Amino acid sequence: MITGTDVDYGALTRLLVQHLEKQPSFSAHYNRKVMGLERDGDGRWLVSDEKTFDAVVNPQAMVGDGVGGA
């Protein structure tokens, strides 16, 4: 039995993303350099990166930068 208070956030993140990737409206983009991130008047995220430049993400979406472990 493993005891202690350590939390493996990398493992938790991988499990979460594996689950989310099965959802039809989920998308994740890796290895991108974010050039700009701001919220517009409608509450949508406007994400600019070196490859797609201007992507609009719906207001309910979560935007994470560098989340998770190895």
C-alpha atoms as a PDB file:
ATOM      1  CA  MET A   1       0.000   0.000   0.000  1.00  0.00           C
ATOM      2  CA  ILE A   2       1.334   3.437  -0.940  1.00  0.00           C
ATOM      3  CA  THR A   3       0.897   6.088   1.736  1.00  0.00           C
ATOM      4  CA  GLY A   4       1.702   9.758   1.911  1.00  0.00           C
ATOM      5  CA  THR A   5       0.431  13.085   0.679  1.00  0.00           C
ATOM      6  CA  ASP A   6       2.311  13.423  -2.609  1.00  0.00           C
ATOM      7  CA  VAL A   7       0.130  14.026  -5.660  1.00  0.00           C
ATOM      8  CA  ASP A   8       1.298  13.017  -9.131  1.00  0.00           C
ATOM      9  CA  TYR A   9      -0.183  15.910 -11.112  1.00  0.00           C
ATOM     10  CA  GLY A  10       1.363  14.600 -14.318  1.00  0.00           C
ATOM     11  CA  ALA A  11      -0.542  11.314 -13.999  1.00  0.00           C
ATOM     12  CA  LEU A  12      -3.767  13.148 -13.133  1.00  0.00           C
ATOM     13  CA  THR A  13      -3.367  15.427 -16.146  1.00  0.00           C
ATOM     14  CA  ARG A  14      -2.729  12.491 -18.498  1.00  0.00           C
ATOM     15  CA  LEU A  15      -5.874  10.720 -17.224  1.00  0.00           C
ATOM     16  CA  LEU A  16      -7.944  13.886 -17.639  1.00  0.00           C
ATOM     17  CA  VAL A  17      -6.697  14.522 -21.182  1.00  0.00           C
ATOM     18  CA  GLN A  18      -7.238  10.861 -22.152  1.00  0.00           C
ATOM     19  CA  HIS A  19     -10.846  11.201 -21.024  1.00  0.00           C
ATOM     20  CA  LEU A  20     -11.366  14.582 -22.696  1.00  0.00           C
ATOM     21  CA  GLU A  21      -9.891  13.401 -26.019  1.00  0.00           C
ATOM     22  CA  LYS A  22     -12.820  10.979 -26.288  1.00  0.00           C
ATOM     23  CA  GLN A  23     -15.293  13.875 -26.193  1.00  0.00           C
ATOM     24  CA  PRO A  24     -16.497  15.151 -29.596  1.00  0.00           C
ATOM     25  CA  SER A  25     -16.019  18.850 -28.847  1.00  0.00           C
ATOM     26  CA  PHE A  26     -12.561  18.625 -27.252  1.00  0.00           C
ATOM     27  CA  SER A  27      -9.318  19.549 -28.927  1.00  0.00           C
ATOM     28  CA  ALA A  28      -5.822  19.965 -27.570  1.00  0.00           C
ATOM     29  CA  HIS A  29      -2.841  21.571 -29.243  1.00  0.00           C
ATOM     30  CA  TYR A  30       0.666  20.658 -28.142  1.00  0.00           C
ATOM     31  CA  ASN A  31       4.082  22.123 -28.769  1.00  0.00           C
ATOM     32  CA  ARG A  32       2.763  25.530 -29.746  1.00  0.00           C
ATOM     33  CA  LYS A  33       4.220  28.879 -28.814  1.00  0.00           C
ATOM     34  CA  VAL A  34       1.394  31.117 -27.639  1.00  0.00           C
ATOM     35  CA  MET A  35       1.856  34.622 -28.978  1.00  0.00           C
ATOM     36  CA  GLY A  36      -1.280  36.196 -27.494  1.00  0.00           C
ATOM     37  CA  LEU A  37      -4.177  35.304 -25.188  1.00  0.00           C
ATOM     38  CA  GLU A  38      -7.076  37.604 -24.408  1.00  0.00           C
ATOM     39  CA  ARG A  39     -10.798  37.533 -23.770  1.00  0.00           C
ATOM     40  CA  ASP A  40     -13.182  39.381 -26.065  1.00  0.00           C
ATOM     41  CA  GLY A  41     -16.419  41.159 -25.128  1.00  0.00           C
ATOM     42  CA  ASP A  42     -18.462  37.970 -25.590  1.00  0.00           C
ATOM     43  CA  GLY A  43     -16.291  36.049 -23.136  1.00  0.00           C
ATOM     44  CA  ARG A  44     -14.583  33.973 -25.805  1.00  0.00           C
ATOM     45  CA  TRP A  45     -10.848  33.340 -25.644  1.00  0.00           C
ATOM     46  CA  LEU A  46      -8.811  34.677 -28.538  1.00  0.00           C
ATOM     47  CA  VAL A  47      -5.645  32.618 -28.818  1.00  0.00           C
ATOM     48  CA  SER A  48      -2.828  33.472 -31.174  1.00  0.00           C
ATOM     49  CA  ASP A  49       0.031  31.077 -31.716  1.00  0.00           C
ATOM     50  CA  GLU A  50       2.896  30.752 -34.142  1.00  0.00           C
ATOM     51  CA  LYS A  51       0.995  28.279 -36.365  1.00  0.00           C
ATOM     52  CA  THR A  52      -2.718  29.183 -36.322  1.00  0.00           C
ATOM     53  CA  PHE A  53      -2.456  32.871 -35.425  1.00  0.00           C
ATOM     54  CA  ASP A  54      -6.076  33.658 -34.498  1.00  0.00           C
ATOM     55  CA  ALA A  55      -8.163  30.868 -33.025  1.00  0.00           C
ATOM     56  CA  VAL A  56     -11.430  31.603 -31.236  1.00  0.00           C
ATOM     57  CA  VAL A  57     -12.351  29.369 -28.324  1.00  0.00           C
ATOM     58  CA  ASN A  58     -15.880  29.317 -26.920  1.00  0.00           C
ATOM     59  CA  PRO A  59     -16.580  31.025 -23.585  1.00  0.00           C
ATOM     60  CA  GLN A  60     -17.017  27.779 -21.632  1.00  0.00           C
ATOM     61  CA  ALA A  61     -13.630  26.462 -22.695  1.00  0.00           C
ATOM     62  CA  MET A  62     -10.639  26.224 -20.455  1.00  0.00           C
ATOM     63  CA  VAL A  63      -7.363  27.500 -21.761  1.00  0.00           C
ATOM     64  CA  GLY A  64      -4.260  26.050 -20.168  1.00  0.00           C
ATOM     65  CA  ASP A  65      -0.691  27.049 -20.813  1.00  0.00           C
ATOM     66  CA  GLY A  66       1.956  24.617 -19.676  1.00  0.00           C
ATOM     67  CA  VAL A  67      -0.384  22.593 -17.493  1.00  0.00           C
ATOM     68  CA  GLY A  68       0.455  19.110 -16.350  1.00  0.00           C
ATOM     69  CA  GLY A  69       3.571  17.119 -15.777  1.00  0.00           C
ATOM     70  CA  ALA A  70       6.034  15.293 -17.933  1.00  0.00           C
END
